[in-house]
C-alpha cells in the first residue's frame, strides 16, 4: 500500500512544530497535532503505524498518521530533536 504524503512543495521534507504526548500507555510517543509553514495547525486524528530508522548515530522515529482524511508521515530526529514531514 502506497502512502500519499502531503507536501506544499517538492522538498524532501518540511520542518514542522509538533505537539506530542510522551510516555502514554504502550506508545512511548504519540503526535497530537503539528504546525506547517505559515502557521497552519493540523490535528492528528489517528496514529496508523510507527517504526524506527537508525541514521548516522541518530534514531529517527517515523509516524504514519491520519489527519481527517489525509495521511502524513512525521519524523522525529532524536539527535537534534527536530520534527519533519517526509515526502514519499
Protein backbone atom coordinates (compact mmCIF):
# COMPACT_ATOMS: atom_id res chain seq x y z
CA UNK A 1 0.00 0.00 0.00
CA UNK A 2 1.46 3.38 -1.02
CA UNK A 3 1.05 6.23 1.47
CA UNK A 4 0.30 9.61 -0.06
CA UNK A 5 2.35 12.23 1.77
CA UNK A 6 1.06 15.80 1.72
CA UNK A 7 3.64 18.50 0.98
CA UNK A 8 3.17 22.01 -0.40
CA UNK A 9 6.36 21.82 -2.48
CA UNK A 10 8.86 19.34 -3.90
CA UNK A 11 11.24 19.46 -0.91
CA UNK A 12 12.27 16.12 0.52
CA UNK A 13 10.99 17.20 3.92
CA UNK A 14 9.36 20.13 5.64
CA UNK A 15 10.25 21.08 9.21
CA UNK A 16 7.18 21.29 11.46
CA UNK A 17 6.35 22.02 15.09
CA UNK A 18 4.69 19.04 16.77
CA UNK A 19 2.63 18.74 19.94
CA UNK A 20 3.21 15.19 21.17
CA UNK A 21 2.31 13.06 24.16
CA UNK A 22 5.28 11.12 25.56
CA UNK A 23 5.04 8.00 27.73
CA UNK A 24 1.38 7.19 27.01
CA UNK A 25 0.33 3.56 27.63
CA UNK A 26 2.06 1.21 25.17
CA UNK A 27 3.07 4.04 22.80
CA UNK A 28 6.16 5.91 24.07
CA UNK A 29 5.37 8.93 21.82
CA UNK A 30 2.23 9.98 20.00
CA UNK A 31 1.95 13.11 17.83
CA UNK A 32 -1.28 15.01 18.61
CA UNK A 33 -1.02 17.96 16.20
CA UNK A 34 1.53 19.81 14.09
CA UNK A 35 2.05 23.25 12.57
CA UNK A 36 3.18 23.65 9.00
CA UNK A 37 4.73 26.66 7.27
CA UNK A 38 2.51 29.68 7.59
CA UNK A 39 1.22 28.56 11.00
CA UNK A 40 -1.44 26.16 9.71
CA UNK A 41 -2.20 23.72 12.55
CA UNK A 42 -3.27 20.17 11.72
CA UNK A 43 -4.82 17.84 14.31
CA UNK A 44 -3.81 14.17 14.19
CA UNK A 45 -6.93 12.01 14.37
CA UNK A 46 -5.28 8.57 14.27
CA UNK A 47 -1.83 7.01 14.66
CA UNK A 48 -1.57 4.42 11.87
CA UNK A 49 1.94 3.00 12.26
CA UNK A 50 5.31 3.69 13.84
CA UNK A 51 8.83 2.45 13.12
CA UNK A 52 12.42 3.43 13.79
CA UNK A 53 15.35 4.10 11.43
CA UNK A 54 18.96 4.44 12.59
CA UNK A 55 20.87 7.10 10.62
CA UNK A 56 24.46 8.16 11.39
CA UNK A 57 24.23 7.70 15.16
CA UNK A 58 20.73 9.20 15.44
CA UNK A 59 17.43 7.46 15.92
CA UNK A 60 14.66 8.63 13.59
CA UNK A 61 11.17 7.79 14.83
CA UNK A 62 8.69 7.61 11.93
CA UNK A 63 4.96 8.10 12.49
CA UNK A 64 2.34 7.47 9.81
CA UNK A 65 -0.68 9.46 10.93
CA UNK A 66 -4.14 10.37 9.73
CA UNK A 67 -5.49 13.92 9.99
CA UNK A 68 -9.10 13.79 8.91
CA UNK A 69 -8.89 12.00 5.54
CA UNK A 70 -5.27 13.00 4.80
CA UNK A 71 -2.26 10.76 5.53
CA UNK A 72 1.05 12.22 6.70
CA UNK A 73 4.44 10.78 7.61
CA UNK A 74 6.14 12.59 10.51
CA UNK A 75 9.75 12.00 11.55
CA UNK A 76 11.31 12.82 14.92
CA UNK A 77 15.13 13.06 14.95
CA UNK A 78 16.41 12.10 18.40
CA UNK A 79 19.78 13.79 17.82
CA UNK A 80 18.63 17.37 17.17
CA UNK A 81 15.04 16.92 18.49
CA UNK A 82 13.52 18.18 15.24
CA UNK A 83 10.29 17.08 13.54
CA UNK A 84 9.72 16.88 9.76
CA UNK A 85 7.04 15.80 7.31
CA UNK A 86 8.69 13.39 4.89
CA UNK A 87 7.99 13.03 1.17
CA UNK A 88 7.33 9.67 -0.45
